[in-house]
């Protein structure tokens, strides 16, 4: 089990939605969180980042990085959210939302906080999880 206390986490896209929820979750766990919603710039004197969350994660890159970094005891995983209750989802027309909800076995959208808790789980309790894709989607892609 890892602790977030005094760790440094870089979260891009943290101005709203899922990125914001991840930044808040990690911060509440004791991490020093560097947030950015446009591009990562130098913020303070951070010598290293222990964790990073970014919207542009690619599954192939995740697996390659996991293979390369495993020898250094670094884990790399991708969290792939399905339909999450964010501003982006709010702009979908109601008829389309109804059709989407019918396809989700759990019958609802996820919350940004549920995605954030999965990220925290991977950091705190996922010491032996690497190169994996964690789909947070209510079962829609089963």
Protein backbone atom coordinates (compact mmCIF):
# COMPACT_ATOMS: atom_id res chain seq x y z
CA UNK A 1 0.00 0.00 0.00
CA UNK A 2 1.29 3.40 -1.03
CA UNK A 3 0.42 6.68 0.59
CA UNK A 4 -0.30 9.94 -1.17
CA UNK A 5 1.15 11.94 1.72
CA UNK A 6 3.74 14.39 0.33
CA UNK A 7 3.67 12.82 -3.15
CA UNK A 8 3.55 15.13 -6.15
CA UNK A 9 0.81 14.55 -8.71
CA UNK A 10 0.50 16.37 -12.04
CA UNK A 11 -3.05 16.52 -13.36
CA UNK A 12 -3.71 18.09 -16.73
CA UNK A 13 -7.22 19.12 -17.70
CA UNK A 14 -7.94 19.85 -14.05
CA UNK A 15 -10.09 22.92 -14.62
CA UNK A 16 -13.32 20.93 -14.59
CA UNK A 17 -14.94 17.53 -14.85
CA UNK A 18 -12.89 14.39 -14.42
CA UNK A 19 -9.52 16.16 -14.21
CA UNK A 20 -10.77 18.41 -11.44
CA UNK A 21 -12.22 15.45 -9.52
CA UNK A 22 -8.88 13.60 -9.80
CA UNK A 23 -6.95 16.63 -8.56
CA UNK A 24 -9.32 17.03 -5.60
CA UNK A 25 -9.23 13.31 -4.73
CA UNK A 26 -5.44 13.16 -4.77
CA UNK A 27 -5.16 16.44 -2.87
CA UNK A 28 -7.55 15.22 -0.18
CA UNK A 29 -5.36 12.14 0.12
CA UNK A 30 -2.36 14.31 0.99
CA UNK A 31 -0.66 14.73 -2.39
CA UNK A 32 0.77 18.01 -3.56
CA UNK A 33 -1.14 18.51 -6.79
CA UNK A 34 0.09 20.52 -9.74
CA UNK A 35 -2.91 21.32 -11.92
CA UNK A 36 -3.19 22.68 -15.40
CA UNK A 37 -6.00 22.92 -17.88
CA UNK A 38 -4.11 24.03 -20.98
CA UNK A 39 -0.47 23.02 -20.88
CA UNK A 40 1.91 21.97 -18.15
CA UNK A 41 4.30 24.69 -17.16
CA UNK A 42 6.74 25.08 -14.33
CA UNK A 43 4.85 25.71 -11.12
CA UNK A 44 6.99 26.10 -8.06
CA UNK A 45 10.03 23.98 -7.34
CA UNK A 46 8.89 20.39 -7.98
CA UNK A 47 11.88 18.14 -8.51
CA UNK A 48 9.81 15.14 -9.55
CA UNK A 49 6.26 14.05 -10.13
CA UNK A 50 5.21 10.80 -8.51
CA UNK A 51 1.93 10.50 -10.41
CA UNK A 52 0.50 12.01 -13.56
CA UNK A 53 -3.00 11.99 -14.98
CA UNK A 54 -3.67 13.24 -18.48
CA UNK A 55 -6.53 13.06 -20.94
CA UNK A 56 -4.25 12.15 -23.82
CA UNK A 57 -3.24 8.71 -22.52
CA UNK A 58 -3.00 6.12 -25.28
CA UNK A 59 -3.47 2.43 -24.51
CA UNK A 60 -0.53 1.30 -26.67
CA UNK A 61 1.69 3.88 -25.04
CA UNK A 62 0.50 2.69 -21.64
CA UNK A 63 1.54 -0.91 -22.35
CA UNK A 64 4.89 0.12 -23.83
CA UNK A 65 5.66 2.45 -20.94
CA UNK A 66 4.61 -0.23 -18.43
CA UNK A 67 7.07 -2.70 -20.00
CA UNK A 68 9.90 -0.18 -20.08
CA UNK A 69 9.37 1.26 -16.61
CA UNK A 70 8.61 -1.96 -14.71
CA UNK A 71 12.33 -2.56 -14.10
CA UNK A 72 12.31 0.70 -12.13
CA UNK A 73 9.24 -0.39 -10.13
CA UNK A 74 7.07 2.18 -11.93
CA UNK A 75 3.52 1.18 -12.81
CA UNK A 76 1.65 2.61 -15.78
CA UNK A 77 -2.08 2.13 -16.35
CA UNK A 78 -4.84 3.74 -18.39
CA UNK A 79 -8.18 4.74 -16.90
CA UNK A 80 -10.80 4.89 -19.64
CA UNK A 81 -14.06 6.53 -18.57
CA UNK A 82 -17.31 5.80 -20.33
CA UNK A 83 -20.22 8.21 -20.14
CA UNK A 84 -19.55 10.44 -17.14
CA UNK A 85 -21.80 13.22 -15.81
CA UNK A 86 -19.70 16.18 -16.95
CA UNK A 87 -20.31 19.42 -18.85
CA UNK A 88 -19.53 17.53 -22.05
CA UNK A 89 -22.24 14.96 -21.34
CA UNK A 90 -24.68 17.72 -20.39
CA UNK A 91 -24.51 19.06 -23.96
CA UNK A 92 -25.76 15.79 -25.47
CA UNK A 93 -29.39 16.05 -26.64
CA UNK A 94 -31.92 14.40 -24.30
CA UNK A 95 -33.01 11.74 -26.81
CA UNK A 96 -29.40 10.71 -27.30
CA UNK A 97 -28.87 10.57 -23.51
CA UNK A 98 -31.90 8.28 -23.17
CA UNK A 99 -30.48 5.96 -25.84
CA UNK A 100 -27.08 5.93 -24.11
CA UNK A 101 -28.59 5.13 -20.70
CA UNK A 102 -30.47 2.16 -22.21
CA UNK A 103 -27.13 0.71 -23.36
CA UNK A 104 -25.45 1.00 -19.93
CA UNK A 105 -26.11 -2.14 -17.86
CA UNK A 106 -26.01 -0.15 -14.60
CA UNK A 107 -28.60 2.24 -16.07
CA UNK A 108 -26.81 5.47 -15.20
CA UNK A 109 -23.82 7.60 -16.05
CA UNK A 110 -20.77 7.63 -13.83
CA UNK A 111 -19.56 10.55 -11.79
CA UNK A 112 -16.21 12.31 -12.02
CA UNK A 113 -15.63 11.28 -8.40
CA UNK A 114 -16.01 7.58 -9.30
CA UNK A 115 -13.32 7.96 -11.94
CA UNK A 116 -11.12 9.88 -9.49
CA UNK A 117 -11.46 7.14 -6.86
CA UNK A 118 -10.32 4.57 -9.42
CA UNK A 119 -7.20 6.64 -10.09
CA UNK A 120 -6.54 6.89 -6.37
CA UNK A 121 -7.04 3.13 -6.03
CA UNK A 122 -4.41 2.45 -8.68
CA UNK A 123 -1.96 4.74 -6.92
CA UNK A 124 -2.60 3.67 -3.33
CA UNK A 125 -3.43 -0.03 -3.66
CA UNK A 126 -2.36 -0.97 -7.19
CA UNK A 127 1.28 -1.83 -6.55
CA UNK A 128 1.02 -5.00 -8.66
CA UNK A 129 -1.15 -3.56 -11.44
CA UNK A 130 0.65 -2.33 -14.54
CA UNK A 131 0.00 -2.13 -18.27
CA UNK A 132 -3.72 -2.39 -17.72
CA UNK A 133 -6.76 -0.53 -18.97
CA UNK A 134 -9.37 0.16 -16.30
CA UNK A 135 -12.72 0.82 -17.97
CA UNK A 136 -15.02 2.90 -15.76
CA UNK A 137 -18.17 2.66 -17.86
CA UNK A 138 -21.04 0.94 -16.04
CA UNK A 139 -20.57 -2.13 -18.21
CA UNK A 140 -21.45 -0.50 -21.54
CA UNK A 141 -18.62 -2.24 -23.41
CA UNK A 142 -19.18 -5.78 -22.10
